[in-house]
Amino acid sequence: KLVELLSWYAATFRDPMMLQPPEWFKAFIYCEAFLQLPFLPVAAYAFLKGGCRWIRTPAIIYSTHVATTLVAILAHILFHDFSGSEHLGPQTQRERLALLSVYAPYLLIPLLILFTMLYNPHYNATEKRKRK
């Protein structure tokens, strides 16, 4: 069933990277599996519990890493010539934008996290230390 779902997705959105990922894309997948996914339960705990200022630095690292990888993926979708791909890739601007819309939330959410960590006074407040 999962193979069928993957085939449907790749055909519908013309995403050959899912069926035959380039080497750099595979590196991003490994980063996601071994760095990003383990971070998610930690972040979920911190955000649900609230008041956990220690999540600020890890969240900044996470969000900048994810956003950086997505910039490369989105540039590939917009500018790569998929005509030589074994699997059907986007050919028209409309198809490229449709595929871009699938990946865009993976950029927007980390950017929201980053801006929250940088500009929300709760996470950005400096602690006042007592002087003795």
Protein backbone atom coordinates (compact mmCIF):
# COMPACT_ATOMS: atom_id res chain seq x y z
CA LYS A 1 0.00 0.00 0.00
CA LEU A 2 2.78 2.47 0.83
CA VAL A 3 4.51 1.75 -2.48
CA GLU A 4 1.23 2.44 -4.28
CA LEU A 5 0.79 5.69 -2.35
CA LEU A 6 4.34 6.75 -3.21
CA SER A 7 3.78 5.93 -6.89
CA TRP A 8 0.50 7.88 -6.88
CA TYR A 9 2.15 10.88 -5.24
CA ALA A 10 5.13 10.87 -7.61
CA ALA A 11 2.86 10.62 -10.65
CA THR A 12 0.30 13.16 -9.45
CA PHE A 13 2.77 15.83 -8.38
CA ARG A 14 5.52 14.81 -10.82
CA ASP A 15 8.10 14.40 -8.07
CA PRO A 16 10.90 12.16 -9.40
CA MET A 17 13.01 12.92 -6.32
CA MET A 18 10.82 10.54 -4.31
CA LEU A 19 11.32 7.64 -6.70
CA GLN A 20 14.93 8.27 -7.70
CA PRO A 21 16.46 10.76 -5.25
CA PRO A 22 19.68 12.54 -6.21
CA GLU A 23 22.60 11.94 -3.85
CA TRP A 24 22.29 15.37 -2.21
CA PHE A 25 18.59 14.68 -1.58
CA LYS A 26 19.49 11.36 0.06
CA ALA A 27 21.83 13.26 2.39
CA PHE A 28 18.91 15.50 3.37
CA ILE A 29 16.76 12.42 4.02
CA TYR A 30 19.43 11.01 6.37
CA CYS A 31 19.64 14.36 8.17
CA GLU A 32 15.88 14.30 8.57
CA ALA A 33 15.85 10.74 9.89
CA PHE A 34 18.75 11.07 12.33
CA LEU A 35 18.64 14.73 13.38
CA GLN A 36 15.28 16.28 12.70
CA LEU A 37 12.90 13.46 13.65
CA PRO A 38 14.53 12.85 17.07
CA PHE A 39 14.21 16.57 17.79
CA LEU A 40 10.44 16.66 17.20
CA PRO A 41 9.33 14.88 20.41
CA VAL A 42 11.69 17.06 22.44
CA ALA A 43 10.31 20.19 20.81
CA ALA A 44 6.72 19.00 21.19
CA TYR A 45 7.33 18.42 24.90
CA ALA A 46 8.90 21.86 25.37
CA PHE A 47 6.19 23.73 23.45
CA LEU A 48 3.29 21.82 25.04
CA LYS A 49 4.67 22.16 28.55
CA GLY A 50 5.36 25.84 28.01
CA GLY A 51 7.88 27.96 29.86
CA CYS A 52 10.83 25.92 28.54
CA ARG A 53 13.29 28.59 27.49
CA TRP A 54 16.01 25.95 26.98
CA ILE A 55 14.32 25.01 23.68
CA ARG A 56 15.35 28.33 22.09
CA THR A 57 18.86 27.36 20.90
CA PRO A 58 17.95 23.84 19.70
CA ALA A 59 14.89 25.26 17.89
CA ILE A 60 17.01 27.91 16.18
CA ILE A 61 19.49 25.25 15.04
CA TYR A 62 16.68 22.96 13.88
CA SER A 63 14.76 25.63 12.00
CA THR A 64 17.79 27.09 10.23
CA HIS A 65 18.93 23.60 9.20
CA VAL A 66 15.52 22.67 7.80
CA ALA A 67 15.06 26.03 6.05
CA THR A 68 18.51 25.75 4.47
CA THR A 69 17.79 22.29 3.08
CA LEU A 70 14.44 23.45 1.74
CA VAL A 71 16.00 26.36 -0.13
CA ALA A 72 18.10 23.84 -2.08
CA ILE A 73 15.08 21.59 -2.73
CA LEU A 74 12.88 24.47 -3.88
CA ALA A 75 15.63 25.79 -6.18
CA HIS A 76 15.97 22.29 -7.67
CA ILE A 77 12.22 22.15 -8.30
CA LEU A 78 12.17 25.58 -9.91
CA PHE A 79 15.31 25.41 -12.05
CA HIS A 80 16.33 21.78 -12.73
CA ASP A 81 15.83 20.30 -16.20
CA PHE A 82 13.80 17.15 -15.49
CA SER A 83 13.55 16.12 -19.15
CA GLY A 84 16.34 13.55 -18.72
CA SER A 85 14.83 11.99 -15.56
CA GLU A 86 13.89 8.33 -15.61
CA HIS A 87 10.65 9.24 -13.79
CA LEU A 88 8.36 12.00 -14.97
CA GLY A 89 9.21 15.37 -13.45
CA PRO A 90 7.51 18.76 -13.71
CA GLN A 91 7.67 20.16 -17.23
CA THR A 92 5.52 23.29 -17.10
CA GLN A 93 5.65 26.22 -14.72
CA ARG A 94 2.26 25.18 -13.35
CA GLU A 95 3.56 21.66 -12.56
CA ARG A 96 6.65 23.15 -10.90
CA LEU A 97 4.47 25.42 -8.76
CA ALA A 98 2.20 22.50 -7.81
CA LEU A 99 5.23 20.51 -6.63
CA LEU A 100 6.59 23.60 -4.92
CA SER A 101 3.31 23.90 -2.99
CA VAL A 102 3.90 20.42 -1.55
CA TYR A 103 7.33 21.37 -0.20
CA ALA A 104 6.59 25.00 0.79
CA PRO A 105 5.06 24.22 4.22
CA TYR A 106 8.29 22.47 5.16
CA LEU A 107 9.98 25.85 4.72
CA LEU A 108 7.26 28.03 6.22
CA ILE A 109 6.90 26.13 9.50
CA PRO A 110 10.63 26.22 10.35
CA LEU A 111 10.69 29.94 9.47
CA LEU A 112 7.79 30.52 11.87
CA ILE A 113 9.66 28.63 14.57
CA LEU A 114 12.82 30.63 13.87
CA PHE A 115 11.05 34.00 14.03
CA THR A 116 9.23 32.94 17.20
CA MET A 117 12.50 32.00 18.87
CA LEU A 118 14.21 35.20 17.75
CA TYR A 119 11.46 37.76 18.36
CA ASN A 120 9.02 36.40 20.94
CA PRO A 121 9.84 38.10 24.25
CA HIS A 122 9.18 34.88 26.16
CA TYR A 123 12.01 33.06 24.41
CA ASN A 124 14.19 36.08 23.81
CA ALA A 125 14.17 37.56 27.31
CA THR A 126 17.51 37.76 29.03
CA GLU A 127 17.51 36.54 32.57
CA LYS A 128 18.31 39.08 35.23
CA ARG A 129 20.97 37.75 37.55
CA LYS A 130 21.09 38.66 41.18
CA ARG A 131 24.17 40.50 42.27
CA LYS A 132 25.70 39.60 45.59
